[in-house]
C-alpha atoms as a PDB file:
ATOM      1  CA  UNK A   1       0.845 -52.331-108.866  1.00  0.00           C
ATOM      2  CA  UNK A   2      -2.276 -54.772-110.602  1.00  0.00           C
ATOM      3  CA  UNK A   3      -5.208 -52.209-110.873  1.00  0.00           C
ATOM      4  CA  UNK A   4      -7.125 -55.355-113.081  1.00  0.00           C
ATOM      5  CA  UNK A   5      -6.622 -57.752-110.385  1.00  0.00           C
ATOM      6  CA  UNK A   6      -7.095 -55.856-106.779  1.00  0.00           C
ATOM      7  CA  UNK A   7     -10.385 -54.727-109.013  1.00  0.00           C
ATOM      8  CA  UNK A   8     -11.294 -58.326-109.256  1.00  0.00           C
ATOM      9  CA  UNK A   9     -10.356 -59.647-106.807  1.00  0.00           C
ATOM     10  CA  UNK A  10     -12.303 -57.263-104.351  1.00  0.00           C
ATOM     11  CA  UNK A  11     -15.173 -57.658-106.318  1.00  0.00           C
ATOM     12  CA  UNK A  12     -15.251 -60.565-105.947  1.00  0.00           C
ATOM     13  CA  UNK A  13     -15.621 -60.986-101.802  1.00  0.00           C
ATOM     14  CA  UNK A  14     -17.317 -57.651-101.904  1.00  0.00           C
ATOM     15  CA  UNK A  15     -20.323 -59.577-103.372  1.00  0.00           C
ATOM     16  CA  UNK A  16     -20.064 -62.636-101.240  1.00  0.00           C
ATOM     17  CA  UNK A  17     -20.710 -60.055 -98.410  1.00  0.00           C
ATOM     18  CA  UNK A  18     -23.195 -58.417-100.010  1.00  0.00           C
ATOM     19  CA  UNK A  19     -25.331 -61.936-100.262  1.00  0.00           C
ATOM     20  CA  UNK A  20     -24.839 -62.081 -96.092  1.00  0.00           C
ATOM     21  CA  UNK A  21     -26.733 -58.697 -96.407  1.00  0.00           C
ATOM     22  CA  UNK A  22     -29.263 -59.501 -98.824  1.00  0.00           C
ATOM     23  CA  UNK A  23     -30.714 -62.515 -96.460  1.00  0.00           C
ATOM     24  CA  UNK A  24     -30.147 -60.234 -93.584  1.00  0.00           C
ATOM     25  CA  UNK A  25     -32.578 -57.679 -95.308  1.00  0.00           C
ATOM     26  CA  UNK A  26     -34.396 -60.357 -96.780  1.00  0.00           C
ATOM     27  CA  UNK A  27     -35.250 -61.752 -92.529  1.00  0.00           C
ATOM     28  CA  UNK A  28     -36.047 -57.921 -91.735  1.00  0.00           C
ATOM     29  CA  UNK A  29     -38.463 -58.194 -94.529  1.00  0.00           C
ATOM     30  CA  UNK A  30     -40.203 -61.244 -93.910  1.00  0.00           C
ATOM     31  CA  UNK A  31     -40.275 -59.929 -90.126  1.00  0.00           C
ATOM     32  CA  UNK A  32     -41.869 -56.873 -89.856  1.00  0.00           C
ATOM     33  CA  UNK A  33     -44.405 -56.184 -88.207  1.00  0.00           C
ATOM     34  CA  UNK A  34     -47.510 -53.664 -88.599  1.00  0.00           C
ATOM     35  CA  UNK A  35     -45.163 -51.192 -87.898  1.00  0.00           C
ATOM     36  CA  UNK A  36     -43.094 -51.887 -90.523  1.00  0.00           C
ATOM     37  CA  UNK A  37     -40.387 -52.381 -87.085  1.00  0.00           C
ATOM     38  CA  UNK A  38     -38.041 -55.637 -87.684  1.00  0.00           C
ATOM     39  CA  UNK A  39     -38.654 -58.424 -85.472  1.00  0.00           C
ATOM     40  CA  UNK A  40     -36.710 -60.772 -84.051  1.00  0.00           C
ATOM     41  CA  UNK A  41     -36.432 -64.124 -85.570  1.00  0.00           C
ATOM     42  CA  UNK A  42     -33.673 -67.200 -84.894  1.00  0.00           C
ATOM     43  CA  UNK A  43     -31.748 -65.769 -88.143  1.00  0.00           C
ATOM     44  CA  UNK A  44     -32.114 -62.194 -86.695  1.00  0.00           C
ATOM     45  CA  UNK A  45     -28.914 -63.291 -84.436  1.00  0.00           C
ATOM     46  CA  UNK A  46     -26.763 -64.259 -87.498  1.00  0.00           C
ATOM     47  CA  UNK A  47     -26.241 -59.943 -87.902  1.00  0.00           C
ATOM     48  CA  UNK A  48     -23.674 -60.827 -84.515  1.00  0.00           C
ATOM     49  CA  UNK A  49     -21.431 -61.931 -86.808  1.00  0.00           C
ATOM     50  CA  UNK A  50     -21.732 -59.500 -89.450  1.00  0.00           C
ATOM     51  CA  UNK A  51     -18.274 -57.827 -88.739  1.00  0.00           C
ATOM     52  CA  UNK A  52     -16.353 -61.330 -87.797  1.00  0.00           C
ATOM     53  CA  UNK A  53     -17.998 -62.173 -91.857  1.00  0.00           C
ATOM     54  CA  UNK A  54     -16.541 -59.649 -92.965  1.00  0.00           C
ATOM     55  CA  UNK A  55     -13.107 -59.600 -91.364  1.00  0.00           C
ATOM     56  CA  UNK A  56     -12.961 -63.818 -92.537  1.00  0.00           C
ATOM     57  CA  UNK A  57     -13.602 -62.162 -95.982  1.00  0.00           C
ATOM     58  CA  UNK A  58     -10.929 -59.740 -95.927  1.00  0.00           C
ATOM     59  CA  UNK A  59      -8.243 -61.994 -94.522  1.00  0.00           C
ATOM     60  CA  UNK A  60      -9.552 -64.046 -97.409  1.00  0.00           C
ATOM     61  CA  UNK A  61      -8.985 -61.637-100.314  1.00  0.00           C
ATOM     62  CA  UNK A  62      -5.029 -60.363 -98.835  1.00  0.00           C
ATOM     63  CA  UNK A  63      -4.104 -64.434 -99.007  1.00  0.00           C
ATOM     64  CA  UNK A  64      -5.559 -64.885-102.679  1.00  0.00           C
ATOM     65  CA  UNK A  65      -3.879 -61.635-103.317  1.00  0.00           C
ATOM     66  CA  UNK A  66      -0.732 -63.312-101.979  1.00  0.00           C
ATOM     67  CA  UNK A  67      -0.762 -66.402-103.740  1.00  0.00           C
ATOM     68  CA  UNK A  68      -0.266 -63.722-106.967  1.00  0.00           C
ATOM     69  CA  UNK A  69       1.608 -61.194-106.188  1.00  0.00           C
ATOM     70  CA  UNK A  70       4.035 -59.505-103.177  1.00  0.00           C
ATOM     71  CA  UNK A  71       2.727 -55.292-103.635  1.00  0.00           C
ATOM     72  CA  UNK A  72       1.953 -53.739-100.735  1.00  0.00           C
ATOM     73  CA  UNK A  73       0.145 -50.944-102.443  1.00  0.00           C
ATOM     74  CA  UNK A  74      -1.649 -53.516-103.887  1.00  0.00           C
ATOM     75  CA  UNK A  75      -3.303 -54.922-100.651  1.00  0.00           C
ATOM     76  CA  UNK A  76      -4.343 -51.090 -99.396  1.00  0.00           C
ATOM     77  CA  UNK A  77      -5.852 -50.026-102.874  1.00  0.00           C
ATOM     78  CA  UNK A  78      -7.934 -54.037-102.458  1.00  0.00           C
ATOM     79  CA  UNK A  79      -8.812 -52.780 -99.139  1.00  0.00           C
ATOM     80  CA  UNK A  80      -9.725 -49.886-100.097  1.00  0.00           C
ATOM     81  CA  UNK A  81     -11.990 -51.072-102.560  1.00  0.00           C
ATOM     82  CA  UNK A  82     -13.973 -53.544-100.788  1.00  0.00           C
ATOM     83  CA  UNK A  83     -14.815 -50.897 -98.395  1.00  0.00           C
ATOM     84  CA  UNK A  84     -16.232 -48.951-101.002  1.00  0.00           C
ATOM     85  CA  UNK A  85     -17.738 -51.801-102.746  1.00  0.00           C
ATOM     86  CA  UNK A  86     -19.828 -53.620 -99.877  1.00  0.00           C
ATOM     87  CA  UNK A  87     -20.757 -50.533 -99.052  1.00  0.00           C
ATOM     88  CA  UNK A  88     -21.984 -49.556-102.667  1.00  0.00           C
ATOM     89  CA  UNK A  89     -23.567 -52.783-103.224  1.00  0.00           C
ATOM     90  CA  UNK A  90     -25.465 -52.838 -99.845  1.00  0.00           C
ATOM     91  CA  UNK A  91     -26.730 -49.576-100.606  1.00  0.00           C
ATOM     92  CA  UNK A  92     -27.888 -50.734-103.881  1.00  0.00           C
ATOM     93  CA  UNK A  93     -30.078 -53.520-101.907  1.00  0.00           C
ATOM     94  CA  UNK A  94     -31.308 -51.242 -99.393  1.00  0.00           C
ATOM     95  CA  UNK A  95     -32.519 -49.266-102.165  1.00  0.00           C
ATOM     96  CA  UNK A  96     -34.361 -51.865-104.049  1.00  0.00           C
ATOM     97  CA  UNK A  97     -35.748 -53.106-101.359  1.00  0.00           C
ATOM     98  CA  UNK A  98     -37.118 -49.363-100.863  1.00  0.00           C
ATOM     99  CA  UNK A  99     -38.336 -48.596-104.353  1.00  0.00           C
ATOM    100  CA  UNK A 100     -40.161 -52.624-103.931  1.00  0.00           C
ATOM    101  CA  UNK A 101     -41.179 -52.876-101.382  1.00  0.00           C
ATOM    102  CA  UNK A 102     -41.641 -50.068 -99.078  1.00  0.00           C
ATOM    103  CA  UNK A 103     -41.822 -46.142-101.534  1.00  0.00           C
ATOM    104  CA  UNK A 104     -45.530 -46.141-101.635  1.00  0.00           C
ATOM    105  CA  UNK A 105     -46.308 -46.843 -98.202  1.00  0.00           C
ATOM    106  CA  UNK A 106     -46.362 -43.665 -95.955  1.00  0.00           C
ATOM    107  CA  UNK A 107     -48.022 -43.717 -91.883  1.00  0.00           C
ATOM    108  CA  UNK A 108     -47.929 -41.116 -89.473  1.00  0.00           C
ATOM    109  CA  UNK A 109     -44.949 -39.853 -87.688  1.00  0.00           C
ATOM    110  CA  UNK A 110     -43.952 -36.942 -85.732  1.00  0.00           C
ATOM    111  CA  UNK A 111     -41.573 -33.950 -87.436  1.00  0.00           C
ATOM    112  CA  UNK A 112     -38.172 -33.460 -86.740  1.00  0.00           C
ATOM    113  CA  UNK A 113     -36.039 -35.191 -84.286  1.00  0.00           C
ATOM    114  CA  UNK A 114     -39.211 -36.778 -83.085  1.00  0.00           C
ATOM    115  CA  UNK A 115     -39.446 -38.381 -86.280  1.00  0.00           C
ATOM    116  CA  UNK A 116     -36.715 -40.012 -86.669  1.00  0.00           C
ATOM    117  CA  UNK A 117     -37.360 -42.272 -83.436  1.00  0.00           C
ATOM    118  CA  UNK A 118     -40.524 -42.748 -84.405  1.00  0.00           C
ATOM    119  CA  UNK A 119     -40.810 -43.353 -88.495  1.00  0.00           C
ATOM    120  CA  UNK A 120     -39.316 -47.198 -88.920  1.00  0.00           C
ATOM    121  CA  UNK A 121     -35.935 -47.455 -90.702  1.00  0.00           C
ATOM    122  CA  UNK A 122     -37.571 -49.262 -93.646  1.00  0.00           C
ATOM    123  CA  UNK A 123     -39.539 -46.527 -94.416  1.00  0.00           C
ATOM    124  CA  UNK A 124     -36.459 -43.605 -95.255  1.00  0.00           C
ATOM    125  CA  UNK A 125     -35.128 -43.869 -98.394  1.00  0.00           C
ATOM    126  CA  UNK A 126     -31.582 -45.223 -98.366  1.00  0.00           C
ATOM    127  CA  UNK A 127     -28.249 -42.586 -99.342  1.00  0.00           C
ATOM    128  CA  UNK A 128     -25.310 -43.345-100.482  1.00  0.00           C
ATOM    129  CA  UNK A 129     -22.166 -41.095 -99.331  1.00  0.00           C
ATOM    130  CA  UNK A 130     -19.026 -43.074 -98.986  1.00  0.00           C
ATOM    131  CA  UNK A 131     -16.695 -40.221 -98.064  1.00  0.00           C
ATOM    132  CA  UNK A 132     -18.761 -39.148 -94.323  1.00  0.00           C
ATOM    133  CA  UNK A 133     -20.360 -42.222 -94.580  1.00  0.00           C
ATOM    134  CA  UNK A 134     -17.961 -45.013 -93.780  1.00  0.00           C
ATOM    135  CA  UNK A 135     -14.967 -42.617 -93.022  1.00  0.00           C
ATOM    136  CA  UNK A 136     -15.197 -39.238 -92.147  1.00  0.00           C
ATOM    137  CA  UNK A 137     -18.623 -39.794 -89.905  1.00  0.00           C
ATOM    138  CA  UNK A 138     -16.420 -43.148 -88.053  1.00  0.00           C
ATOM    139  CA  UNK A 139     -13.325 -41.098 -87.348  1.00  0.00           C
ATOM    140  CA  UNK A 140     -15.079 -38.659 -86.113  1.00  0.00           C
ATOM    141  CA  UNK A 141     -17.273 -40.524 -84.137  1.00  0.00           C
ATOM    142  CA  UNK A 142     -14.894 -42.387 -82.230  1.00  0.00           C
ATOM    143  CA  UNK A 143     -12.637 -38.751 -81.611  1.00  0.00           C
ATOM    144  CA  UNK A 144     -15.554 -37.756 -80.240  1.00  0.00           C
ATOM    145  CA  UNK A 145     -16.096 -40.879 -77.374  1.00  0.00           C
ATOM    146  CA  UNK A 146     -12.616 -41.348 -76.491  1.00  0.00           C
ATOM    147  CA  UNK A 147     -12.899 -37.039 -75.759  1.00  0.00           C
ATOM    148  CA  UNK A 148     -15.980 -37.932 -73.414  1.00  0.00           C
ATOM    149  CA  UNK A 149     -14.220 -41.157 -71.974  1.00  0.00           C
ATOM    150  CA  UNK A 150     -17.509 -43.274 -72.737  1.00  0.00           C
ATOM    151  CA  UNK A 151     -15.950 -46.775 -73.438  1.00  0.00           C
ATOM    152  CA  UNK A 152     -18.545 -48.170 -74.697  1.00  0.00           C
ATOM    153  CA  UNK A 153     -19.023 -45.348 -77.723  1.00  0.00           C
ATOM    154  CA  UNK A 154     -15.611 -46.070 -78.406  1.00  0.00           C
ATOM    155  CA  UNK A 155     -15.836 -50.190 -78.687  1.00  0.00           C
ATOM    156  CA  UNK A 156     -18.951 -49.376 -80.689  1.00  0.00           C
ATOM    157  CA  UNK A 157     -17.386 -47.315 -82.666  1.00  0.00           C
ATOM    158  CA  UNK A 158     -14.816 -49.869 -83.272  1.00  0.00           C
ATOM    159  CA  UNK A 159     -17.109 -52.320 -84.534  1.00  0.00           C
ATOM    160  CA  UNK A 160     -17.915 -50.258 -88.447  1.00  0.00           C
ATOM    161  CA  UNK A 161     -16.644 -51.581 -90.830  1.00  0.00           C
ATOM    162  CA  UNK A 162     -13.244 -49.001 -91.369  1.00  0.00           C
ATOM    163  CA  UNK A 163     -12.241 -49.783 -87.903  1.00  0.00           C
ATOM    164  CA  UNK A 164     -12.126 -53.729 -88.882  1.00  0.00           C
ATOM    165  CA  UNK A 165     -10.318 -52.871 -91.812  1.00  0.00           C
ATOM    166  CA  UNK A 166      -7.686 -51.846 -89.807  1.00  0.00           C
ATOM    167  CA  UNK A 167      -7.539 -53.939 -87.440  1.00  0.00           C
ATOM    168  CA  UNK A 168      -7.711 -57.341 -89.649  1.00  0.00           C
ATOM    169  CA  UNK A 169      -4.220 -55.024 -92.137  1.00  0.00           C
ATOM    170  CA  UNK A 170      -2.477 -54.200 -88.956  1.00  0.00           C
ATOM    171  CA  UNK A 171      -3.068 -57.767 -87.358  1.00  0.00           C
ATOM    172  CA  UNK A 172      -1.800 -59.269 -91.619  1.00  0.00           C
ATOM    173  CA  UNK A 173       1.068 -57.011 -91.831  1.00  0.00           C
ATOM    174  CA  UNK A 174       2.312 -58.001 -88.342  1.00  0.00           C
ATOM    175  CA  UNK A 175       1.828 -61.790 -88.688  1.00  0.00           C
ATOM    176  CA  UNK A 176       3.918 -61.429 -91.588  1.00  0.00           C
ATOM    177  CA  UNK A 177       6.564 -59.031 -89.979  1.00  0.00           C
ATOM    178  CA  UNK A 178       6.749 -61.923 -87.437  1.00  0.00           C
ATOM    179  CA  UNK A 179       7.033 -64.475 -89.662  1.00  0.00           C
ATOM    180  CA  UNK A 180       9.441 -63.131 -91.751  1.00  0.00           C
ATOM    181  CA  UNK A 181      11.943 -62.849 -88.599  1.00  0.00           C
ATOM    182  CA  UNK A 182      11.498 -66.222 -87.422  1.00  0.00           C
ATOM    183  CA  UNK A 183       8.982 -65.242 -84.656  1.00  0.00           C
ATOM    184  CA  UNK A 184       5.503 -67.423 -83.750  1.00  0.00           C
ATOM    185  CA  UNK A 185       3.401 -65.543 -86.024  1.00  0.00           C
ATOM    186  CA  UNK A 186       0.155 -66.385 -84.455  1.00  0.00           C
ATOM    187  CA  UNK A 187       1.631 -64.085 -81.511  1.00  0.00           C
ATOM    188  CA  UNK A 188       0.473 -61.258 -83.891  1.00  0.00           C
ATOM    189  CA  UNK A 189      -2.610 -61.663 -82.907  1.00  0.00           C
ATOM    190  CA  UNK A 190      -2.733 -62.086 -79.051  1.00  0.00           C
ATOM    191  CA  UNK A 191      -2.378 -58.742 -77.283  1.00  0.00           C
ATOM    192  CA  UNK A 192       0.461 -58.646 -75.310  1.00  0.00           C
ATOM    193  CA  UNK A 193       2.514 -61.341 -76.557  1.00  0.00           C
ATOM    194  CA  UNK A 194       2.571 -59.337 -79.895  1.00  0.00           C
ATOM    195  CA  UNK A 195       3.786 -56.213 -78.205  1.00  0.00           C
ATOM    196  CA  UNK A 196       6.368 -58.698 -76.405  1.00  0.00           C
ATOM    197  CA  UNK A 197       7.376 -59.649 -79.910  1.00  0.00           C
ATOM    198  CA  UNK A 198       8.086 -56.492 -81.064  1.00  0.00           C
ATOM    199  CA  UNK A 199       9.939 -56.137 -78.631  1.00  0.00           C
ATOM    200  CA  UNK A 200      11.913 -58.824 -78.968  1.00  0.00           C
ATOM    201  CA  UNK A 201      12.395 -57.850 -82.539  1.00  0.00           C
ATOM    202  CA  UNK A 202      13.674 -54.486 -81.937  1.00  0.00           C
ATOM    203  CA  UNK A 203      16.216 -55.646 -79.270  1.00  0.00           C
ATOM    204  CA  UNK A 204      14.313 -53.663 -76.489  1.00  0.00           C
ATOM    205  CA  UNK A 205      14.146 -54.203 -72.539  1.00  0.00           C
ATOM    206  CA  UNK A 206      11.190 -56.477 -72.168  1.00  0.00           C
ATOM    207  CA  UNK A 207      10.500 -53.610 -69.388  1.00  0.00           C
ATOM    208  CA  UNK A 208       9.046 -51.109 -72.098  1.00  0.00           C
ATOM    209  CA  UNK A 209       5.989 -53.743 -71.887  1.00  0.00           C
ATOM    210  CA  UNK A 210       4.424 -51.604 -69.379  1.00  0.00           C
ATOM    211  CA  UNK A 211       5.459 -48.292 -71.253  1.00  0.00           C
ATOM    212  CA  UNK A 212       4.129 -49.269 -74.358  1.00  0.00           C
ATOM    213  CA  UNK A 213       0.854 -49.257 -72.671  1.00  0.00           C
ATOM    214  CA  UNK A 214       0.536 -46.212 -70.863  1.00  0.00           C
ATOM    215  CA  UNK A 215      -1.407 -43.391 -72.637  1.00  0.00           C
ATOM    216  CA  UNK A 216       0.157 -40.410 -74.470  1.00  0.00           C
ATOM    217  CA  UNK A 217       3.785 -42.075 -73.135  1.00  0.00           C
ATOM    218  CA  UNK A 218       3.934 -44.684 -75.221  1.00  0.00           C
ATOM    219  CA  UNK A 219       3.770 -43.154 -78.678  1.00  0.00           C
ATOM    220  CA  UNK A 220       8.016 -42.406 -77.712  1.00  0.00           C
ATOM    221  CA  UNK A 221       8.806 -46.157 -77.232  1.00  0.00           C
ATOM    222  CA  UNK A 222       6.886 -47.256 -79.917  1.00  0.00           C
ATOM    223  CA  UNK A 223       8.180 -44.342 -82.249  1.00  0.00           C
ATOM    224  CA  UNK A 224      11.461 -45.982 -80.893  1.00  0.00           C
ATOM    225  CA  UNK A 225      11.180 -49.676 -81.459  1.00  0.00           C
ATOM    226  CA  UNK A 226       9.528 -48.723 -84.704  1.00  0.00           C
ATOM    227  CA  UNK A 227      12.467 -46.934 -85.463  1.00  0.00           C
ATOM    228  CA  UNK A 228      14.875 -49.928 -84.881  1.00  0.00           C
ATOM    229  CA  UNK A 229      12.985 -52.136 -87.264  1.00  0.00           C
ATOM    230  CA  UNK A 230      12.489 -49.859 -90.584  1.00  0.00           C
ATOM    231  CA  UNK A 231      16.347 -49.226 -90.291  1.00  0.00           C
ATOM    232  CA  UNK A 232      16.565 -52.871 -90.224  1.00  0.00           C
ATOM    233  CA  UNK A 233      14.297 -52.717 -93.188  1.00  0.00           C
ATOM    234  CA  UNK A 234      16.000 -49.623 -95.424  1.00  0.00           C
ATOM    235  CA  UNK A 235      13.264 -47.255 -94.587  1.00  0.00           C
ATOM    236  CA  UNK A 236      14.038 -44.166 -92.563  1.00  0.00           C
ATOM    237  CA  UNK A 237      12.356 -42.621 -90.038  1.00  0.00           C
ATOM    238  CA  UNK A 238       9.486 -41.428 -91.358  1.00  0.00           C
ATOM    239  CA  UNK A 239       8.436 -44.931 -92.156  1.00  0.00           C
ATOM    240  CA  UNK A 240       8.737 -45.261 -88.200  1.00  0.00           C
ATOM    241  CA  UNK A 241       7.000 -42.411 -87.518  1.00  0.00           C
ATOM    242  CA  UNK A 242       3.998 -43.843 -89.748  1.00  0.00           C
ATOM    243  CA  UNK A 243       4.216 -46.976 -87.791  1.00  0.00           C
ATOM    244  CA  UNK A 244       3.197 -45.418 -84.781  1.00  0.00           C
ATOM    245  CA  UNK A 245       0.574 -43.273 -85.514  1.00  0.00           C
ATOM    246  CA  UNK A 246      -0.839 -45.384 -88.500  1.00  0.00           C
ATOM    247  CA  UNK A 247       0.477 -48.831 -88.107  1.00  0.00           C
ATOM    248  CA  UNK A 248      -2.691 -50.136 -89.909  1.00  0.00           C
ATOM    249  CA  UNK A 249      -1.191 -48.774 -92.978  1.00  0.00           C
ATOM    250  CA  UNK A 250       2.545 -48.386 -92.101  1.00  0.00           C
ATOM    251  CA  UNK A 251       3.378 -51.618 -90.808  1.00  0.00           C
ATOM    252  CA  UNK A 252       3.247 -53.694 -94.217  1.00  0.00           C
ATOM    253  CA  UNK A 253       6.429 -51.713 -95.867  1.00  0.00           C
ATOM    254  CA  UNK A 254       8.742 -53.763 -93.408  1.00  0.00           C
ATOM    255  CA  UNK A 255       6.544 -57.301 -93.461  1.00  0.00           C
ATOM    256  CA  UNK A 256       6.499 -57.012 -96.833  1.00  0.00           C
ATOM    257  CA  UNK A 257       9.378 -57.189 -99.656  1.00  0.00           C
ATOM    258  CA  UNK A 258       8.317 -56.284-103.061  1.00  0.00           C
ATOM    259  CA  UNK A 259      11.027 -57.901-104.694  1.00  0.00           C
ATOM    260  CA  UNK A 260      10.851 -61.042-102.783  1.00  0.00           C
ATOM    261  CA  UNK A 261       8.597 -64.156-105.216  1.00  0.00           C
ATOM    262  CA  UNK A 262       4.520 -64.075-103.513  1.00  0.00           C
ATOM    263  CA  UNK A 263       4.364 -64.849 -99.838  1.00  0.00           C
ATOM    264  CA  UNK A 264       2.868 -67.963 -98.428  1.00  0.00           C
ATOM    265  CA  UNK A 265       1.384 -68.444 -94.433  1.00  0.00           C
END
């Protein structure tokens, strides 16, 4: 691994993202009403591209690294650094605005839970807790939404940066896996087609495409697919299990070969 290179790349794209966040923060500040709640402006709609821009920068960071190296561990490290640094820089932006503009402002608000609803978010002092806020809390929310069958809750949680990153990492790994096997690499980003391509690579029946979408049952068939792919690339069933339960992280082990020269798109 090259931690210095990983940090350099991660910091570069984290700063780009923080500029985007800073512009949104300035817009919110300039659009505050008399009760210190942001109002809608034409620029406010840019925030809906928040996840898309984050995903774009993640891909750019990965591609920049692949021009210089081919160690999948570095890609994982860059992912962690970007997640941490964007959170840290965003916190510093929020904290700076709070100290400069909002700390001295006091307006009447309710106590307890009521106070959380009628007190402007802008006037609350920002807190930084990376592990809980960016990792544990989103996972808990996803688990609770799945247990309760809250489909919209699941969609909302999936917009969190952690899950955006995991989705991008998974599709990125599939892209280069398909390229490695001479398949259409763009099928990696198309639902169903990416599963059909995996079936083709693993030489499994096409009819399995139905089975890999059945809850719980799907894991047995995905494991069989992943076991074949892992074995072809010199790995055992332990990696296949990881590819089945946490594909975003483990698929890269078969997509990239550290003994090869840096790869290209």
